[in-house]
């Protein structure tokens, strides 16, 4: 049974930093491209960032590029999202997700539909 558990959410002052973690179990972590998404109330989930199975390739949505950093530790089956210079518009529920890359092609994937497994989400609030 696959489980994905986010942690590290909470309140942060505008301009501050927060680091999210996502620990996976029940799957071979290094066989998956990993991604972060977020969802505003009443809106669909939107893509933030993705990282290839090895961590060599990364991709970011323009809204977070230069402020957020995605990383992973395959030995710990853990995905991270370092969020810096946070803005009120970063306030959302954040989700981690896993998309299979068993051939280790090094994909970084932005489309929600290709992600098979999801965490339960963690609330992040940025305000002054």
C-alpha atoms as a PDB file:
ATOM      1  CA  UNK A   1       0.000   0.000   0.000  1.00  0.00           C
ATOM      2  CA  UNK A   2       1.483   3.270  -1.148  1.00  0.00           C
ATOM      3  CA  UNK A   3       1.470   6.154   1.300  1.00  0.00           C
ATOM      4  CA  UNK A   4       2.691   9.690   0.712  1.00  0.00           C
ATOM      5  CA  UNK A   5       2.829  12.013   3.700  1.00  0.00           C
ATOM      6  CA  UNK A   6       3.542  15.735   3.489  1.00  0.00           C
ATOM      7  CA  UNK A   7       4.818  17.719   6.455  1.00  0.00           C
ATOM      8  CA  UNK A   8       6.212  21.152   7.180  1.00  0.00           C
ATOM      9  CA  UNK A   9       3.207  23.257   6.291  1.00  0.00           C
ATOM     10  CA  UNK A  10       1.998  26.135   8.416  1.00  0.00           C
ATOM     11  CA  UNK A  11       2.033  29.913   8.618  1.00  0.00           C
ATOM     12  CA  UNK A  12       4.907  32.066   7.421  1.00  0.00           C
ATOM     13  CA  UNK A  13       5.317  35.808   7.250  1.00  0.00           C
ATOM     14  CA  UNK A  14       5.364  37.349   3.771  1.00  0.00           C
ATOM     15  CA  UNK A  15       8.947  37.281   2.542  1.00  0.00           C
ATOM     16  CA  UNK A  16       9.837  34.371   4.783  1.00  0.00           C
ATOM     17  CA  UNK A  17      10.740  30.738   4.100  1.00  0.00           C
ATOM     18  CA  UNK A  18       9.206  27.349   4.668  1.00  0.00           C
ATOM     19  CA  UNK A  19      10.352  23.829   3.753  1.00  0.00           C
ATOM     20  CA  UNK A  20       7.928  21.049   2.924  1.00  0.00           C
ATOM     21  CA  UNK A  21       8.778  17.368   3.080  1.00  0.00           C
ATOM     22  CA  UNK A  22       7.010  14.380   1.557  1.00  0.00           C
ATOM     23  CA  UNK A  23       7.909  10.887   2.696  1.00  0.00           C
ATOM     24  CA  UNK A  24       6.798   7.954   0.570  1.00  0.00           C
ATOM     25  CA  UNK A  25       6.378   4.312   1.513  1.00  0.00           C
ATOM     26  CA  UNK A  26       5.130   1.215  -0.276  1.00  0.00           C
ATOM     27  CA  UNK A  27       6.851   2.071  -3.551  1.00  0.00           C
ATOM     28  CA  UNK A  28      10.363   2.062  -5.023  1.00  0.00           C
ATOM     29  CA  UNK A  29      10.963   5.784  -4.644  1.00  0.00           C
ATOM     30  CA  UNK A  30      13.752   6.045  -7.224  1.00  0.00           C
ATOM     31  CA  UNK A  31      11.420   4.608  -9.899  1.00  0.00           C
ATOM     32  CA  UNK A  32       9.292   7.741  -9.778  1.00  0.00           C
ATOM     33  CA  UNK A  33       9.394  11.275 -11.047  1.00  0.00           C
ATOM     34  CA  UNK A  34       8.145  13.393  -8.147  1.00  0.00           C
ATOM     35  CA  UNK A  35       6.145  16.590  -8.268  1.00  0.00           C
ATOM     36  CA  UNK A  36       4.609  19.309  -6.145  1.00  0.00           C
ATOM     37  CA  UNK A  37       1.200  20.813  -6.832  1.00  0.00           C
ATOM     38  CA  UNK A  38      -0.965  23.310  -4.972  1.00  0.00           C
ATOM     39  CA  UNK A  39      -4.652  24.061  -4.810  1.00  0.00           C
ATOM     40  CA  UNK A  40      -6.490  27.264  -3.984  1.00  0.00           C
ATOM     41  CA  UNK A  41     -10.013  27.090  -2.487  1.00  0.00           C
ATOM     42  CA  UNK A  42     -12.536  26.348  -5.200  1.00  0.00           C
ATOM     43  CA  UNK A  43      -9.846  25.929  -7.857  1.00  0.00           C
ATOM     44  CA  UNK A  44      -8.226  22.971  -9.562  1.00  0.00           C
ATOM     45  CA  UNK A  45      -4.803  21.784  -8.492  1.00  0.00           C
ATOM     46  CA  UNK A  46      -1.959  23.484 -10.311  1.00  0.00           C
ATOM     47  CA  UNK A  47       1.566  22.358 -11.041  1.00  0.00           C
ATOM     48  CA  UNK A  48       4.501  23.883  -9.170  1.00  0.00           C
ATOM     49  CA  UNK A  49       7.600  21.781  -9.785  1.00  0.00           C
ATOM     50  CA  UNK A  50       8.895  18.343 -10.712  1.00  0.00           C
ATOM     51  CA  UNK A  51      12.145  16.426 -10.313  1.00  0.00           C
ATOM     52  CA  UNK A  52      13.444  13.405 -12.191  1.00  0.00           C
ATOM     53  CA  UNK A  53      14.105  10.071 -10.514  1.00  0.00           C
ATOM     54  CA  UNK A  54      17.794  10.856 -10.019  1.00  0.00           C
ATOM     55  CA  UNK A  55      17.335  14.497  -9.113  1.00  0.00           C
ATOM     56  CA  UNK A  56      19.399  15.641 -12.099  1.00  0.00           C
ATOM     57  CA  UNK A  57      16.511  17.306 -13.927  1.00  0.00           C
ATOM     58  CA  UNK A  58      14.147  19.833 -12.401  1.00  0.00           C
ATOM     59  CA  UNK A  59      11.329  21.953 -13.737  1.00  0.00           C
ATOM     60  CA  UNK A  60       9.393  24.849 -12.233  1.00  0.00           C
ATOM     61  CA  UNK A  61       6.276  26.783 -13.017  1.00  0.00           C
ATOM     62  CA  UNK A  62       7.001  30.423 -13.778  1.00  0.00           C
ATOM     63  CA  UNK A  63       5.101  31.511 -10.660  1.00  0.00           C
ATOM     64  CA  UNK A  64       7.702  29.933  -8.349  1.00  0.00           C
ATOM     65  CA  UNK A  65      10.876  29.816 -10.436  1.00  0.00           C
ATOM     66  CA  UNK A  66      13.738  31.473  -8.623  1.00  0.00           C
ATOM     67  CA  UNK A  67      11.949  31.315  -5.254  1.00  0.00           C
ATOM     68  CA  UNK A  68      11.194  27.614  -4.740  1.00  0.00           C
ATOM     69  CA  UNK A  69      13.625  24.682  -4.950  1.00  0.00           C
ATOM     70  CA  UNK A  70      12.617  21.050  -5.374  1.00  0.00           C
ATOM     71  CA  UNK A  71      14.955  18.284  -4.219  1.00  0.00           C
ATOM     72  CA  UNK A  72      14.876  14.645  -3.210  1.00  0.00           C
ATOM     73  CA  UNK A  73      16.761  12.125  -1.106  1.00  0.00           C
ATOM     74  CA  UNK A  74      16.230   8.669  -2.584  1.00  0.00           C
ATOM     75  CA  UNK A  75      17.921   6.958   0.368  1.00  0.00           C
ATOM     76  CA  UNK A  76      15.244   8.455   2.617  1.00  0.00           C
ATOM     77  CA  UNK A  77      12.380   8.177   0.093  1.00  0.00           C
ATOM     78  CA  UNK A  78      11.728  11.838   0.724  1.00  0.00           C
ATOM     79  CA  UNK A  79      10.868  14.779  -1.498  1.00  0.00           C
ATOM     80  CA  UNK A  80      11.413  18.403  -0.463  1.00  0.00           C
ATOM     81  CA  UNK A  81      10.199  21.841  -1.466  1.00  0.00           C
ATOM     82  CA  UNK A  82      12.162  24.809  -0.139  1.00  0.00           C
ATOM     83  CA  UNK A  83      10.013  27.912  -0.441  1.00  0.00           C
ATOM     84  CA  UNK A  84      11.697  31.309  -0.123  1.00  0.00           C
ATOM     85  CA  UNK A  85      10.499  34.930  -0.495  1.00  0.00           C
ATOM     86  CA  UNK A  86       6.979  33.757   0.044  1.00  0.00           C
ATOM     87  CA  UNK A  87       4.011  35.813  -1.074  1.00  0.00           C
ATOM     88  CA  UNK A  88       0.372  35.882   0.025  1.00  0.00           C
ATOM     89  CA  UNK A  89      -0.548  34.254  -3.294  1.00  0.00           C
ATOM     90  CA  UNK A  90       1.476  31.186  -2.273  1.00  0.00           C
ATOM     91  CA  UNK A  91      -1.229  30.454   0.300  1.00  0.00           C
ATOM     92  CA  UNK A  92      -2.752  27.105  -0.722  1.00  0.00           C
ATOM     93  CA  UNK A  93      -2.886  23.416   0.075  1.00  0.00           C
ATOM     94  CA  UNK A  94       0.295  21.766  -1.189  1.00  0.00           C
ATOM     95  CA  UNK A  95       0.404  18.202  -2.495  1.00  0.00           C
ATOM     96  CA  UNK A  96       3.247  15.880  -3.419  1.00  0.00           C
ATOM     97  CA  UNK A  97       2.755  13.309  -6.152  1.00  0.00           C
ATOM     98  CA  UNK A  98       4.564  10.401  -7.807  1.00  0.00           C
ATOM     99  CA  UNK A  99       4.625   9.525 -11.513  1.00  0.00           C
ATOM    100  CA  UNK A 100       6.255   6.250 -12.628  1.00  0.00           C
ATOM    101  CA  UNK A 101       9.578   6.318 -14.475  1.00  0.00           C
ATOM    102  CA  UNK A 102      10.632   2.696 -14.117  1.00  0.00           C
ATOM    103  CA  UNK A 103      12.871   2.901 -17.198  1.00  0.00           C
ATOM    104  CA  UNK A 104      14.742   5.819 -15.628  1.00  0.00           C
ATOM    105  CA  UNK A 105      14.251   8.044 -18.637  1.00  0.00           C
ATOM    106  CA  UNK A 106      14.765  11.108 -16.481  1.00  0.00           C
ATOM    107  CA  UNK A 107      11.369  12.649 -17.100  1.00  0.00           C
ATOM    108  CA  UNK A 108      10.089  15.745 -15.346  1.00  0.00           C
ATOM    109  CA  UNK A 109       6.317  15.845 -15.689  1.00  0.00           C
ATOM    110  CA  UNK A 110       3.905  18.745 -15.283  1.00  0.00           C
ATOM    111  CA  UNK A 111       0.595  17.105 -16.152  1.00  0.00           C
ATOM    112  CA  UNK A 112      -1.482  16.092 -13.164  1.00  0.00           C
ATOM    113  CA  UNK A 113      -3.016  13.115 -15.005  1.00  0.00           C
ATOM    114  CA  UNK A 114       0.264  11.177 -15.192  1.00  0.00           C
ATOM    115  CA  UNK A 115       0.782  11.180 -11.444  1.00  0.00           C
ATOM    116  CA  UNK A 116      -0.401   7.944  -9.866  1.00  0.00           C
ATOM    117  CA  UNK A 117       0.019   8.590  -6.161  1.00  0.00           C
ATOM    118  CA  UNK A 118      -0.788  11.656  -4.080  1.00  0.00           C
ATOM    119  CA  UNK A 119      -0.296  12.870  -0.544  1.00  0.00           C
ATOM    120  CA  UNK A 120      -3.155  14.158   1.553  1.00  0.00           C
ATOM    121  CA  UNK A 121      -2.004  17.780   1.309  1.00  0.00           C
ATOM    122  CA  UNK A 122      -0.632  20.300   3.775  1.00  0.00           C
ATOM    123  CA  UNK A 123      -1.856  23.872   4.277  1.00  0.00           C
ATOM    124  CA  UNK A 124       0.603  26.697   3.706  1.00  0.00           C
ATOM    125  CA  UNK A 125      -0.353  30.257   4.616  1.00  0.00           C
ATOM    126  CA  UNK A 126       1.770  33.318   3.860  1.00  0.00           C
ATOM    127  CA  UNK A 127       0.627  36.645   5.236  1.00  0.00           C
ATOM    128  CA  UNK A 128       1.874  39.760   6.944  1.00  0.00           C
END
